[in-house]
Amino acid sequence: MTAPEILTSHLGGGLLMGLIYVIWLLRNLSRRMGEVTRMRPYYRGFDVGNLLLSIALLSYILRSSAALAQRPATVLSPTFTLLTFYTPLVLGLSLNVGLALVYWGWLFYQR
């Protein structure tokens, strides 16, 4: 790794933690709005999405640590990255965006 990569390798973890926190806030707002409008409790899906994002966060931390230590090679392989980082990240974000549209999609149609 180059010097800038070493210095900035921890920033991605902070970004993912911030994203998990913002989605947790959106979950609480959606729960409250769902109670008022008597919607089914779809907001529980945000917990599943955040779990998937947490798996991606742990994978990112593990991969960053392995890259800084330059071992083990299996953690740095593209297959490991695909299965433990990109797949949970995409599934978690897709689920959270879909649920946010269920609760807050009406805002796009208001004038």
C-alpha atoms as a PDB file:
ATOM      1  CA  MET A   1       0.000   0.000   0.000  1.00  0.00           C
ATOM      2  CA  THR A   2       1.117   3.526  -0.684  1.00  0.00           C
ATOM      3  CA  ALA A   3       1.386   6.184   2.021  1.00  0.00           C
ATOM      4  CA  PRO A   4      -1.927   7.936   1.146  1.00  0.00           C
ATOM      5  CA  GLU A   5      -3.753   4.588   1.152  1.00  0.00           C
ATOM      6  CA  ILE A   6      -2.357   3.778   4.579  1.00  0.00           C
ATOM      7  CA  LEU A   7      -3.334   7.171   5.962  1.00  0.00           C
ATOM      8  CA  THR A   8      -6.896   7.051   4.592  1.00  0.00           C
ATOM      9  CA  SER A   9      -7.688   3.349   5.025  1.00  0.00           C
ATOM     10  CA  HIS A  10      -9.683   3.978   8.214  1.00  0.00           C
ATOM     11  CA  LEU A  11     -12.017   6.580   6.667  1.00  0.00           C
ATOM     12  CA  GLY A  12     -14.250   4.049   4.913  1.00  0.00           C
ATOM     13  CA  GLY A  13     -15.148   2.438   8.230  1.00  0.00           C
ATOM     14  CA  GLY A  14     -16.286   5.780   9.619  1.00  0.00           C
ATOM     15  CA  LEU A  15     -18.410   6.341   6.530  1.00  0.00           C
ATOM     16  CA  LEU A  16     -20.133   2.979   6.944  1.00  0.00           C
ATOM     17  CA  MET A  17     -20.714   3.622  10.672  1.00  0.00           C
ATOM     18  CA  GLY A  18     -22.278   6.981   9.830  1.00  0.00           C
ATOM     19  CA  LEU A  19     -24.493   5.357   7.217  1.00  0.00           C
ATOM     20  CA  ILE A  20     -25.671   2.736   9.720  1.00  0.00           C
ATOM     21  CA  TYR A  21     -26.507   5.499  12.199  1.00  0.00           C
ATOM     22  CA  VAL A  22     -28.474   7.537   9.626  1.00  0.00           C
ATOM     23  CA  ILE A  23     -30.458   4.443   8.646  1.00  0.00           C
ATOM     24  CA  TRP A  24     -31.124   3.742  12.331  1.00  0.00           C
ATOM     25  CA  LEU A  25     -32.589   7.272  12.611  1.00  0.00           C
ATOM     26  CA  LEU A  26     -34.674   6.668   9.476  1.00  0.00           C
ATOM     27  CA  ARG A  27     -35.909   3.407  11.021  1.00  0.00           C
ATOM     28  CA  ASN A  28     -37.112   5.233  14.128  1.00  0.00           C
ATOM     29  CA  LEU A  29     -38.847   7.936  12.098  1.00  0.00           C
ATOM     30  CA  SER A  30     -40.484   5.293   9.906  1.00  0.00           C
ATOM     31  CA  ARG A  31     -41.641   3.355  12.969  1.00  0.00           C
ATOM     32  CA  ARG A  32     -43.290   6.459  14.409  1.00  0.00           C
ATOM     33  CA  MET A  33     -44.943   7.354  11.128  1.00  0.00           C
ATOM     34  CA  GLY A  34     -46.106   3.771  10.691  1.00  0.00           C
ATOM     35  CA  GLU A  35     -47.717   3.821  14.147  1.00  0.00           C
ATOM     36  CA  VAL A  36     -49.593   7.005  13.286  1.00  0.00           C
ATOM     37  CA  THR A  37     -50.773   5.760   9.883  1.00  0.00           C
ATOM     38  CA  ARG A  38     -51.282   2.176  11.132  1.00  0.00           C
ATOM     39  CA  MET A  39     -49.013   0.639   8.504  1.00  0.00           C
ATOM     40  CA  ARG A  40     -47.670  -2.871   8.818  1.00  0.00           C
ATOM     41  CA  PRO A  41     -44.314  -2.906  10.660  1.00  0.00           C
ATOM     42  CA  TYR A  42     -42.091  -2.862   7.588  1.00  0.00           C
ATOM     43  CA  TYR A  43     -39.578  -0.795   9.586  1.00  0.00           C
ATOM     44  CA  ARG A  44     -38.149  -4.028  11.020  1.00  0.00           C
ATOM     45  CA  GLY A  45     -36.551  -4.601   7.649  1.00  0.00           C
ATOM     46  CA  PHE A  46     -34.242  -1.689   8.436  1.00  0.00           C
ATOM     47  CA  ASP A  47     -32.747  -3.887  11.165  1.00  0.00           C
ATOM     48  CA  VAL A  48     -31.950  -6.583   8.603  1.00  0.00           C
ATOM     49  CA  GLY A  49     -30.451  -3.983   6.283  1.00  0.00           C
ATOM     50  CA  ASN A  50     -28.322  -2.574   9.091  1.00  0.00           C
ATOM     51  CA  LEU A  51     -27.172  -6.084   9.998  1.00  0.00           C
ATOM     52  CA  LEU A  52     -25.997  -6.582   6.427  1.00  0.00           C
ATOM     53  CA  LEU A  53     -24.235  -3.212   6.497  1.00  0.00           C
ATOM     54  CA  SER A  54     -22.577  -4.184   9.784  1.00  0.00           C
ATOM     55  CA  ILE A  55     -21.260  -7.356   8.153  1.00  0.00           C
ATOM     56  CA  ALA A  56     -19.838  -5.207   5.353  1.00  0.00           C
ATOM     57  CA  LEU A  57     -18.288  -2.883   7.958  1.00  0.00           C
ATOM     58  CA  LEU A  58     -16.618  -5.765   9.775  1.00  0.00           C
ATOM     59  CA  SER A  59     -15.339  -7.111   6.467  1.00  0.00           C
ATOM     60  CA  TYR A  60     -13.951  -3.690   5.569  1.00  0.00           C
ATOM     61  CA  ILE A  61     -12.124  -3.422   8.899  1.00  0.00           C
ATOM     62  CA  LEU A  62     -10.732  -6.935   8.494  1.00  0.00           C
ATOM     63  CA  ARG A  63      -9.597  -6.278   4.931  1.00  0.00           C
ATOM     64  CA  SER A  64      -8.014  -2.950   5.866  1.00  0.00           C
ATOM     65  CA  SER A  65      -6.109  -4.543   8.716  1.00  0.00           C
ATOM     66  CA  ALA A  66      -4.959  -7.405   6.490  1.00  0.00           C
ATOM     67  CA  ALA A  67      -3.845  -4.982   3.792  1.00  0.00           C
ATOM     68  CA  LEU A  68      -1.835  -2.941   6.284  1.00  0.00           C
ATOM     69  CA  ALA A  69      -0.218  -6.098   7.681  1.00  0.00           C
ATOM     70  CA  GLN A  70       0.125  -7.562   4.167  1.00  0.00           C
ATOM     71  CA  ARG A  71      -1.313 -10.913   5.250  1.00  0.00           C
ATOM     72  CA  PRO A  72      -3.332 -13.198   5.048  1.00  0.00           C
ATOM     73  CA  ALA A  73      -3.796 -13.446   1.321  1.00  0.00           C
ATOM     74  CA  THR A  74      -7.217 -15.130   1.518  1.00  0.00           C
ATOM     75  CA  VAL A  75      -8.730 -12.046   3.157  1.00  0.00           C
ATOM     76  CA  LEU A  76      -7.411  -9.873   0.342  1.00  0.00           C
ATOM     77  CA  SER A  77      -8.738 -12.142  -2.420  1.00  0.00           C
ATOM     78  CA  PRO A  78     -11.459 -10.806  -4.735  1.00  0.00           C
ATOM     79  CA  THR A  79     -13.787 -13.702  -3.852  1.00  0.00           C
ATOM     80  CA  PHE A  80     -13.632 -12.935  -0.136  1.00  0.00           C
ATOM     81  CA  THR A  81     -14.233  -9.254  -0.855  1.00  0.00           C
ATOM     82  CA  LEU A  82     -17.201 -10.022  -3.095  1.00  0.00           C
ATOM     83  CA  LEU A  83     -18.861 -12.388  -0.619  1.00  0.00           C
ATOM     84  CA  THR A  84     -18.263 -10.492   2.617  1.00  0.00           C
ATOM     85  CA  PHE A  85     -18.187  -6.834   1.581  1.00  0.00           C
ATOM     86  CA  TYR A  86     -19.889  -6.045  -1.718  1.00  0.00           C
ATOM     87  CA  THR A  87     -22.761  -8.534  -1.501  1.00  0.00           C
ATOM     88  CA  PRO A  88     -23.941  -7.511   2.014  1.00  0.00           C
ATOM     89  CA  LEU A  89     -23.386  -3.853   1.129  1.00  0.00           C
ATOM     90  CA  VAL A  90     -25.540  -3.993  -1.997  1.00  0.00           C
ATOM     91  CA  LEU A  91     -28.256  -6.118  -0.373  1.00  0.00           C
ATOM     92  CA  GLY A  92     -28.390  -3.936   2.749  1.00  0.00           C
ATOM     93  CA  LEU A  93     -28.526  -0.667   0.829  1.00  0.00           C
ATOM     94  CA  SER A  94     -31.135  -2.013  -1.614  1.00  0.00           C
ATOM     95  CA  LEU A  95     -33.335  -3.227   1.220  1.00  0.00           C
ATOM     96  CA  ASN A  96     -33.043   0.059   3.104  1.00  0.00           C
ATOM     97  CA  VAL A  97     -33.749   2.192   0.039  1.00  0.00           C
ATOM     98  CA  GLY A  98     -36.779   0.050  -0.827  1.00  0.00           C
ATOM     99  CA  LEU A  99     -38.164   0.341   2.690  1.00  0.00           C
ATOM    100  CA  ALA A 100     -37.523   4.079   2.756  1.00  0.00           C
ATOM    101  CA  LEU A 101     -39.537   4.384  -0.456  1.00  0.00           C
ATOM    102  CA  VAL A 102     -42.391   2.418   1.119  1.00  0.00           C
ATOM    103  CA  TYR A 103     -42.591   4.834   4.032  1.00  0.00           C
ATOM    104  CA  TRP A 104     -41.492   8.097   2.441  1.00  0.00           C
ATOM    105  CA  GLY A 105     -42.330   7.635  -1.258  1.00  0.00           C
ATOM    106  CA  TRP A 106     -45.435   9.770  -0.905  1.00  0.00           C
ATOM    107  CA  LEU A 107     -43.174  12.838  -0.609  1.00  0.00           C
ATOM    108  CA  PHE A 108     -42.283  12.522  -4.295  1.00  0.00           C
ATOM    109  CA  TYR A 109     -45.921  12.941  -5.295  1.00  0.00           C
ATOM    110  CA  GLN A 110     -46.743  15.953  -3.095  1.00  0.00           C
ATOM    111  CA  ARG A 111     -46.741  19.417  -4.586  1.00  0.00           C
END
